[in-house]
């Protein structure tokens, strides 16, 4: 089970292990949790206390013993809502600080799979803003291949990415190579989506994304990273190259 989303929500590795262990046990004192999780005693108790503070587990007293129980996993929605409300409280101040910056950074590097995920999110969010301002722009990409789809990020991640795109009502045209034709045809059945293909010799370990004034270059090597460029002139140049590929693709 991929629990990385729990890390993204702010839980430590120890908290995640304790929570997952407790879900499997149903309810337990610290002893069985210690035995099942393999964590040190001090780490267990620290994690239990912080999970209680976050409202993710609770306990009852049986004599002098605390018997812990994991709350319903759906309670994470409340946990997420609380984080969102707390963030919204400081958002105006963050915006004020941003306003003091005279020049927006034009290039940003993102490291690892999480960094790449964040880069794609930024691009999609910018596309969503364009839609709200009646300046609809297409999501255009080229590159990638079977190693990217299967080995690096996995099909589930790509499906979720396009689900987020569709939720934001962003149209796309994409050029894949034939090594992922099956997956491309699957996407082609979705709304707001058009996929064309080039020969499998065009398979590569990077994907270029163009949306509005944003260009993302995701490099899916052993240590993946991404480069986000925010520059209208550069984006227009990449868009011209995309159109050439689109005409050539079938």
C-alpha atoms as a PDB file:
ATOM      1  CA  UNK A   1       0.000   0.000   0.000  1.00  0.00           C
ATOM      2  CA  UNK A   2       1.392   3.386  -1.022  1.00  0.00           C
ATOM      3  CA  UNK A   3       1.127   5.609   2.073  1.00  0.00           C
ATOM      4  CA  UNK A   4       3.145   8.526   0.683  1.00  0.00           C
ATOM      5  CA  UNK A   5      -0.025  10.654   0.671  1.00  0.00           C
ATOM      6  CA  UNK A   6       0.010  10.423   4.476  1.00  0.00           C
ATOM      7  CA  UNK A   7       3.514  11.898   4.438  1.00  0.00           C
ATOM      8  CA  UNK A   8       2.209  14.695   2.211  1.00  0.00           C
ATOM      9  CA  UNK A   9      -0.442  15.391   4.859  1.00  0.00           C
ATOM     10  CA  UNK A  10       2.292  15.948   7.434  1.00  0.00           C
ATOM     11  CA  UNK A  11       2.538  12.605   9.220  1.00  0.00           C
ATOM     12  CA  UNK A  12       5.966  11.274  10.139  1.00  0.00           C
ATOM     13  CA  UNK A  13       7.082   7.767   9.187  1.00  0.00           C
ATOM     14  CA  UNK A  14       6.647   6.668  12.802  1.00  0.00           C
ATOM     15  CA  UNK A  15       3.122   8.101  12.967  1.00  0.00           C
ATOM     16  CA  UNK A  16       2.193   6.335   9.739  1.00  0.00           C
ATOM     17  CA  UNK A  17       3.547   2.993  10.995  1.00  0.00           C
ATOM     18  CA  UNK A  18       1.711   3.325  14.296  1.00  0.00           C
ATOM     19  CA  UNK A  19      -1.547   4.328  12.608  1.00  0.00           C
ATOM     20  CA  UNK A  20      -1.418   1.509  10.018  1.00  0.00           C
ATOM     21  CA  UNK A  21      -0.481  -1.011  12.736  1.00  0.00           C
ATOM     22  CA  UNK A  22      -3.362   0.141  14.920  1.00  0.00           C
ATOM     23  CA  UNK A  23      -5.802  -0.100  12.014  1.00  0.00           C
ATOM     24  CA  UNK A  24      -4.820  -3.762  11.670  1.00  0.00           C
ATOM     25  CA  UNK A  25      -5.052  -4.464  15.400  1.00  0.00           C
ATOM     26  CA  UNK A  26      -8.398  -2.717  15.889  1.00  0.00           C
ATOM     27  CA  UNK A  27      -7.573  -1.624  19.430  1.00  0.00           C
ATOM     28  CA  UNK A  28      -4.509  -2.300  21.534  1.00  0.00           C
ATOM     29  CA  UNK A  29      -2.271  -1.130  24.319  1.00  0.00           C
ATOM     30  CA  UNK A  30       1.212   0.132  23.487  1.00  0.00           C
ATOM     31  CA  UNK A  31       2.730  -3.365  23.871  1.00  0.00           C
ATOM     32  CA  UNK A  32       1.184  -5.039  20.792  1.00  0.00           C
ATOM     33  CA  UNK A  33       1.781  -1.881  18.739  1.00  0.00           C
ATOM     34  CA  UNK A  34       5.438  -2.010  19.762  1.00  0.00           C
ATOM     35  CA  UNK A  35       5.668  -5.692  18.790  1.00  0.00           C
ATOM     36  CA  UNK A  36       3.925  -5.338  15.410  1.00  0.00           C
ATOM     37  CA  UNK A  37       5.501  -2.064  14.253  1.00  0.00           C
ATOM     38  CA  UNK A  38       9.104  -2.838  15.193  1.00  0.00           C
ATOM     39  CA  UNK A  39       9.620   0.721  16.435  1.00  0.00           C
ATOM     40  CA  UNK A  40      11.390   1.698  19.634  1.00  0.00           C
ATOM     41  CA  UNK A  41       9.310   2.194  22.772  1.00  0.00           C
ATOM     42  CA  UNK A  42      10.055   5.930  23.047  1.00  0.00           C
ATOM     43  CA  UNK A  43       9.192   6.447  19.365  1.00  0.00           C
ATOM     44  CA  UNK A  44       5.899   4.568  19.792  1.00  0.00           C
ATOM     45  CA  UNK A  45       4.758   6.714  22.719  1.00  0.00           C
ATOM     46  CA  UNK A  46       5.777   9.950  21.015  1.00  0.00           C
ATOM     47  CA  UNK A  47       3.871   8.953  17.870  1.00  0.00           C
ATOM     48  CA  UNK A  48       0.801   7.913  19.868  1.00  0.00           C
ATOM     49  CA  UNK A  49       0.714  11.279  21.642  1.00  0.00           C
ATOM     50  CA  UNK A  50       1.028  13.310  18.437  1.00  0.00           C
ATOM     51  CA  UNK A  51      -1.606  11.179  16.670  1.00  0.00           C
ATOM     52  CA  UNK A  52      -3.987  11.816  19.568  1.00  0.00           C
ATOM     53  CA  UNK A  53      -3.329  15.565  19.279  1.00  0.00           C
ATOM     54  CA  UNK A  54      -4.124  15.376  15.566  1.00  0.00           C
ATOM     55  CA  UNK A  55      -7.354  13.497  16.257  1.00  0.00           C
ATOM     56  CA  UNK A  56      -6.291  10.485  14.211  1.00  0.00           C
ATOM     57  CA  UNK A  57      -6.380   8.003  17.092  1.00  0.00           C
ATOM     58  CA  UNK A  58      -8.097   8.007  20.478  1.00  0.00           C
ATOM     59  CA  UNK A  59      -7.946   5.918  23.640  1.00  0.00           C
ATOM     60  CA  UNK A  60      -9.932   4.725  26.635  1.00  0.00           C
ATOM     61  CA  UNK A  61      -8.652   3.860  30.094  1.00  0.00           C
ATOM     62  CA  UNK A  62      -8.897   0.262  31.270  1.00  0.00           C
ATOM     63  CA  UNK A  63      -7.717   0.515  34.827  1.00  0.00           C
ATOM     64  CA  UNK A  64      -4.337   2.176  34.531  1.00  0.00           C
ATOM     65  CA  UNK A  65      -3.783   1.115  30.957  1.00  0.00           C
ATOM     66  CA  UNK A  66      -4.515   3.142  27.842  1.00  0.00           C
ATOM     67  CA  UNK A  67      -6.179   1.170  25.064  1.00  0.00           C
ATOM     68  CA  UNK A  68      -5.671   2.916  21.738  1.00  0.00           C
ATOM     69  CA  UNK A  69      -7.892   2.781  18.667  1.00  0.00           C
ATOM     70  CA  UNK A  70      -7.492   4.308  15.202  1.00  0.00           C
ATOM     71  CA  UNK A  71     -10.336   6.584  14.174  1.00  0.00           C
ATOM     72  CA  UNK A  72     -12.246   5.949  10.946  1.00  0.00           C
ATOM     73  CA  UNK A  73      -9.900   6.703   7.999  1.00  0.00           C
ATOM     74  CA  UNK A  74     -12.573   9.043   6.635  1.00  0.00           C
ATOM     75  CA  UNK A  75     -11.756  11.341   9.564  1.00  0.00           C
ATOM     76  CA  UNK A  76      -8.698  12.341   7.535  1.00  0.00           C
ATOM     77  CA  UNK A  77     -11.083  14.567   5.581  1.00  0.00           C
ATOM     78  CA  UNK A  78     -11.585  16.596   8.790  1.00  0.00           C
ATOM     79  CA  UNK A  79      -7.814  16.621   9.294  1.00  0.00           C
ATOM     80  CA  UNK A  80      -7.328  17.909   5.734  1.00  0.00           C
ATOM     81  CA  UNK A  81     -10.095  20.513   6.140  1.00  0.00           C
ATOM     82  CA  UNK A  82      -8.461  21.769   9.328  1.00  0.00           C
ATOM     83  CA  UNK A  83      -5.112  22.154   7.542  1.00  0.00           C
ATOM     84  CA  UNK A  84      -6.848  23.960   4.686  1.00  0.00           C
ATOM     85  CA  UNK A  85      -8.575  26.404   7.069  1.00  0.00           C
ATOM     86  CA  UNK A  86      -5.315  27.103   8.898  1.00  0.00           C
ATOM     87  CA  UNK A  87      -3.540  27.682   5.588  1.00  0.00           C
ATOM     88  CA  UNK A  88      -6.296  30.042   4.398  1.00  0.00           C
ATOM     89  CA  UNK A  89      -5.665  32.146   7.502  1.00  0.00           C
ATOM     90  CA  UNK A  90      -2.066  32.841   6.504  1.00  0.00           C
ATOM     91  CA  UNK A  91      -2.645  32.957   2.726  1.00  0.00           C
ATOM     92  CA  UNK A  92      -3.272  36.759   2.615  1.00  0.00           C
ATOM     93  CA  UNK A  93       0.037  37.399   4.406  1.00  0.00           C
ATOM     94  CA  UNK A  94       1.876  35.068   2.022  1.00  0.00           C
ATOM     95  CA  UNK A  95       0.342  36.919  -0.931  1.00  0.00           C
ATOM     96  CA  UNK A  96       1.486  40.251   0.525  1.00  0.00           C
ATOM     97  CA  UNK A  97       5.057  38.977   0.809  1.00  0.00           C
ATOM     98  CA  UNK A  98       4.930  37.733  -2.775  1.00  0.00           C
ATOM     99  CA  UNK A  99       3.754  41.159  -3.956  1.00  0.00           C
ATOM    100  CA  UNK A 100       7.002  42.714  -2.727  1.00  0.00           C
ATOM    101  CA  UNK A 101       8.976  40.662  -5.229  1.00  0.00           C
ATOM    102  CA  UNK A 102       9.417  42.852  -8.299  1.00  0.00           C
ATOM    103  CA  UNK A 103      10.392  40.095 -10.707  1.00  0.00           C
ATOM    104  CA  UNK A 104       8.875  36.636 -10.738  1.00  0.00           C
ATOM    105  CA  UNK A 105      11.376  33.790 -10.895  1.00  0.00           C
ATOM    106  CA  UNK A 106      11.382  32.436 -14.441  1.00  0.00           C
ATOM    107  CA  UNK A 107      12.979  29.070 -13.744  1.00  0.00           C
ATOM    108  CA  UNK A 108      12.470  26.563 -10.932  1.00  0.00           C
ATOM    109  CA  UNK A 109      13.903  23.068 -10.425  1.00  0.00           C
ATOM    110  CA  UNK A 110      11.881  20.306  -8.740  1.00  0.00           C
ATOM    111  CA  UNK A 111      13.573  17.191  -7.354  1.00  0.00           C
ATOM    112  CA  UNK A 112      12.230  13.648  -7.061  1.00  0.00           C
ATOM    113  CA  UNK A 113       8.806  12.203  -7.830  1.00  0.00           C
ATOM    114  CA  UNK A 114       7.115  14.540  -5.357  1.00  0.00           C
ATOM    115  CA  UNK A 115       8.812  17.501  -6.954  1.00  0.00           C
ATOM    116  CA  UNK A 116       7.633  16.444 -10.397  1.00  0.00           C
ATOM    117  CA  UNK A 117       4.113  15.987  -9.025  1.00  0.00           C
ATOM    118  CA  UNK A 118       4.269  19.519  -7.617  1.00  0.00           C
ATOM    119  CA  UNK A 119       5.461  20.911 -10.961  1.00  0.00           C
ATOM    120  CA  UNK A 120       2.541  19.331 -12.823  1.00  0.00           C
ATOM    121  CA  UNK A 121       0.147  20.667 -10.160  1.00  0.00           C
ATOM    122  CA  UNK A 122       1.482  24.202 -10.641  1.00  0.00           C
ATOM    123  CA  UNK A 123       1.012  23.951 -14.403  1.00  0.00           C
ATOM    124  CA  UNK A 124      -2.551  22.630 -14.047  1.00  0.00           C
ATOM    125  CA  UNK A 125      -3.421  25.311 -11.491  1.00  0.00           C
ATOM    126  CA  UNK A 126      -2.168  28.007 -13.855  1.00  0.00           C
ATOM    127  CA  UNK A 127      -4.333  26.485 -16.585  1.00  0.00           C
ATOM    128  CA  UNK A 128      -7.324  26.562 -14.269  1.00  0.00           C
ATOM    129  CA  UNK A 129      -6.737  30.278 -13.626  1.00  0.00           C
ATOM    130  CA  UNK A 130      -6.661  30.915 -17.367  1.00  0.00           C
ATOM    131  CA  UNK A 131     -10.031  29.171 -17.715  1.00  0.00           C
ATOM    132  CA  UNK A 132     -11.543  31.380 -14.998  1.00  0.00           C
ATOM    133  CA  UNK A 133     -10.319  34.456 -16.853  1.00  0.00           C
ATOM    134  CA  UNK A 134     -11.851  33.209 -20.121  1.00  0.00           C
ATOM    135  CA  UNK A 135      -8.379  32.754 -21.576  1.00  0.00           C
ATOM    136  CA  UNK A 136      -8.582  29.031 -22.178  1.00  0.00           C
ATOM    137  CA  UNK A 137      -5.264  27.483 -23.174  1.00  0.00           C
ATOM    138  CA  UNK A 138      -4.554  23.915 -24.169  1.00  0.00           C
ATOM    139  CA  UNK A 139      -2.382  21.508 -22.244  1.00  0.00           C
ATOM    140  CA  UNK A 140       0.143  20.346 -24.851  1.00  0.00           C
ATOM    141  CA  UNK A 141       2.829  17.735 -24.290  1.00  0.00           C
ATOM    142  CA  UNK A 142       5.282  15.632 -26.227  1.00  0.00           C
ATOM    143  CA  UNK A 143       7.791  12.988 -25.201  1.00  0.00           C
ATOM    144  CA  UNK A 144       7.725  10.259 -22.618  1.00  0.00           C
ATOM    145  CA  UNK A 145       7.327   6.580 -23.340  1.00  0.00           C
ATOM    146  CA  UNK A 146       6.683   3.166 -21.880  1.00  0.00           C
ATOM    147  CA  UNK A 147       9.534   3.403 -19.344  1.00  0.00           C
ATOM    148  CA  UNK A 148       8.111   6.664 -18.015  1.00  0.00           C
ATOM    149  CA  UNK A 149       4.525   5.404 -17.900  1.00  0.00           C
ATOM    150  CA  UNK A 150       5.252   2.003 -16.397  1.00  0.00           C
ATOM    151  CA  UNK A 151       8.553   2.154 -14.522  1.00  0.00           C
ATOM    152  CA  UNK A 152       8.974   5.662 -13.134  1.00  0.00           C
ATOM    153  CA  UNK A 153       5.623   7.221 -12.208  1.00  0.00           C
ATOM    154  CA  UNK A 154       3.233   4.360 -12.970  1.00  0.00           C
ATOM    155  CA  UNK A 155      -0.059   4.353 -14.861  1.00  0.00           C
ATOM    156  CA  UNK A 156      -2.098   5.179 -11.747  1.00  0.00           C
ATOM    157  CA  UNK A 157      -0.233   8.455 -11.292  1.00  0.00           C
ATOM    158  CA  UNK A 158      -0.781   9.418 -14.939  1.00  0.00           C
ATOM    159  CA  UNK A 159      -4.479   8.527 -14.771  1.00  0.00           C
ATOM    160  CA  UNK A 160      -4.859  10.669 -11.642  1.00  0.00           C
ATOM    161  CA  UNK A 161      -3.027  13.534 -13.356  1.00  0.00           C
ATOM    162  CA  UNK A 162      -5.522  13.526 -16.215  1.00  0.00           C
ATOM    163  CA  UNK A 163      -8.421  13.192 -13.791  1.00  0.00           C
ATOM    164  CA  UNK A 164      -7.206  16.436 -12.159  1.00  0.00           C
ATOM    165  CA  UNK A 165      -6.872  18.055 -15.582  1.00  0.00           C
ATOM    166  CA  UNK A 166     -10.401  17.068 -16.552  1.00  0.00           C
ATOM    167  CA  UNK A 167     -11.742  18.294 -13.213  1.00  0.00           C
ATOM    168  CA  UNK A 168     -10.279  21.701 -14.102  1.00  0.00           C
ATOM    169  CA  UNK A 169     -11.851  21.447 -17.601  1.00  0.00           C
ATOM    170  CA  UNK A 170      -8.508  21.873 -19.362  1.00  0.00           C
ATOM    171  CA  UNK A 171      -8.361  20.644 -22.960  1.00  0.00           C
ATOM    172  CA  UNK A 172      -5.303  18.758 -24.118  1.00  0.00           C
ATOM    173  CA  UNK A 173      -3.509  17.697 -27.262  1.00  0.00           C
ATOM    174  CA  UNK A 174      -0.581  15.362 -26.688  1.00  0.00           C
ATOM    175  CA  UNK A 175       1.961  13.594 -28.856  1.00  0.00           C
ATOM    176  CA  UNK A 176       2.965  10.141 -27.592  1.00  0.00           C
ATOM    177  CA  UNK A 177       5.174   7.553 -29.199  1.00  0.00           C
ATOM    178  CA  UNK A 178       3.712   4.190 -30.203  1.00  0.00           C
ATOM    179  CA  UNK A 179       5.344   2.352 -27.284  1.00  0.00           C
ATOM    180  CA  UNK A 180       2.442   3.652 -25.156  1.00  0.00           C
ATOM    181  CA  UNK A 181      -0.263   3.523 -27.808  1.00  0.00           C
ATOM    182  CA  UNK A 182      -2.531   1.349 -25.635  1.00  0.00           C
ATOM    183  CA  UNK A 183      -2.423   3.867 -22.790  1.00  0.00           C
ATOM    184  CA  UNK A 184      -2.797   6.759 -25.239  1.00  0.00           C
ATOM    185  CA  UNK A 185      -5.893   5.192 -26.761  1.00  0.00           C
ATOM    186  CA  UNK A 186      -7.313   4.793 -23.261  1.00  0.00           C
ATOM    187  CA  UNK A 187      -6.849   8.527 -22.643  1.00  0.00           C
ATOM    188  CA  UNK A 188      -8.237   9.353 -26.089  1.00  0.00           C
ATOM    189  CA  UNK A 189     -11.637   8.089 -24.972  1.00  0.00           C
ATOM    190  CA  UNK A 190     -11.879  10.854 -22.360  1.00  0.00           C
ATOM    191  CA  UNK A 191     -13.465  14.245 -22.913  1.00  0.00           C
ATOM    192  CA  UNK A 192     -11.319  17.262 -23.809  1.00  0.00           C
ATOM    193  CA  UNK A 193      -8.524  14.894 -24.872  1.00  0.00           C
ATOM    194  CA  UNK A 194      -6.778  14.301 -28.209  1.00  0.00           C
ATOM    195  CA  UNK A 195      -3.743  12.060 -28.519  1.00  0.00           C
ATOM    196  CA  UNK A 196      -1.631  11.424 -31.626  1.00  0.00           C
ATOM    197  CA  UNK A 197       1.324   9.100 -32.055  1.00  0.00           C
ATOM    198  CA  UNK A 198       4.797   9.138 -33.556  1.00  0.00           C
ATOM    199  CA  UNK A 199       7.005   6.122 -34.201  1.00  0.00           C
ATOM    200  CA  UNK A 200       8.322   4.309 -31.114  1.00  0.00           C
ATOM    201  CA  UNK A 201      11.825   5.527 -32.036  1.00  0.00           C
ATOM    202  CA  UNK A 202      10.737   8.862 -30.495  1.00  0.00           C
ATOM    203  CA  UNK A 203      10.435   7.252 -27.044  1.00  0.00           C
ATOM    204  CA  UNK A 204      12.368   9.262 -24.472  1.00  0.00           C
ATOM    205  CA  UNK A 205      12.811   9.713 -20.737  1.00  0.00           C
ATOM    206  CA  UNK A 206      11.475  13.239 -20.619  1.00  0.00           C
ATOM    207  CA  UNK A 207       8.170  14.946 -21.272  1.00  0.00           C
ATOM    208  CA  UNK A 208       7.719  18.582 -22.266  1.00  0.00           C
ATOM    209  CA  UNK A 209       4.523  20.302 -21.126  1.00  0.00           C
ATOM    210  CA  UNK A 210       3.283  23.656 -22.468  1.00  0.00           C
ATOM    211  CA  UNK A 211       0.323  25.468 -20.952  1.00  0.00           C
ATOM    212  CA  UNK A 212      -0.175  29.228 -21.096  1.00  0.00           C
ATOM    213  CA  UNK A 213       3.182  30.869 -20.355  1.00  0.00           C
ATOM    214  CA  UNK A 214       4.475  27.740 -18.582  1.00  0.00           C
ATOM    215  CA  UNK A 215       6.879  25.153 -19.934  1.00  0.00           C
ATOM    216  CA  UNK A 216       7.585  22.108 -17.807  1.00  0.00           C
ATOM    217  CA  UNK A 217      10.342  19.661 -18.660  1.00  0.00           C
ATOM    218  CA  UNK A 218      10.048  16.477 -16.614  1.00  0.00           C
ATOM    219  CA  UNK A 219      13.118  14.216 -16.725  1.00  0.00           C
ATOM    220  CA  UNK A 220      12.315  10.683 -15.580  1.00  0.00           C
ATOM    221  CA  UNK A 221      15.780   9.257 -14.954  1.00  0.00           C
ATOM    222  CA  UNK A 222      16.758   7.194 -11.894  1.00  0.00           C
ATOM    223  CA  UNK A 223      16.700  10.415  -9.862  1.00  0.00           C
ATOM    224  CA  UNK A 224      13.848  12.268 -11.589  1.00  0.00           C
ATOM    225  CA  UNK A 225      13.621  16.035 -11.643  1.00  0.00           C
ATOM    226  CA  UNK A 226      11.694  18.762 -13.399  1.00  0.00           C
ATOM    227  CA  UNK A 227      12.372  22.253 -14.709  1.00  0.00           C
ATOM    228  CA  UNK A 228       9.562  24.815 -14.809  1.00  0.00           C
ATOM    229  CA  UNK A 229      10.033  27.898 -17.001  1.00  0.00           C
ATOM    230  CA  UNK A 230       7.518  30.743 -16.846  1.00  0.00           C
ATOM    231  CA  UNK A 231       8.126  32.915 -19.871  1.00  0.00           C
ATOM    232  CA  UNK A 232       5.639  33.787 -22.641  1.00  0.00           C
ATOM    233  CA  UNK A 233       8.265  34.105 -25.381  1.00  0.00           C
ATOM    234  CA  UNK A 234       9.814  30.740 -24.571  1.00  0.00           C
ATOM    235  CA  UNK A 235       6.372  29.103 -24.262  1.00  0.00           C
ATOM    236  CA  UNK A 236       5.363  30.407 -27.690  1.00  0.00           C
ATOM    237  CA  UNK A 237       8.538  28.935 -29.178  1.00  0.00           C
ATOM    238  CA  UNK A 238       7.903  25.501 -27.630  1.00  0.00           C
ATOM    239  CA  UNK A 239       4.284  25.696 -28.798  1.00  0.00           C
ATOM    240  CA  UNK A 240       5.415  26.186 -32.413  1.00  0.00           C
ATOM    241  CA  UNK A 241       7.581  23.079 -32.154  1.00  0.00           C
ATOM    242  CA  UNK A 242       4.645  21.149 -30.687  1.00  0.00           C
ATOM    243  CA  UNK A 243       2.466  22.145 -33.654  1.00  0.00           C
ATOM    244  CA  UNK A 244       5.098  20.751 -36.048  1.00  0.00           C
ATOM    245  CA  UNK A 245       5.070  17.439 -34.172  1.00  0.00           C
ATOM    246  CA  UNK A 246       1.266  17.426 -34.077  1.00  0.00           C
ATOM    247  CA  UNK A 247       1.072  17.753 -37.874  1.00  0.00           C
ATOM    248  CA  UNK A 248       3.535  14.914 -38.307  1.00  0.00           C
ATOM    249  CA  UNK A 249       1.919  12.582 -35.769  1.00  0.00           C
ATOM    250  CA  UNK A 250      -0.933  10.221 -36.661  1.00  0.00           C
END
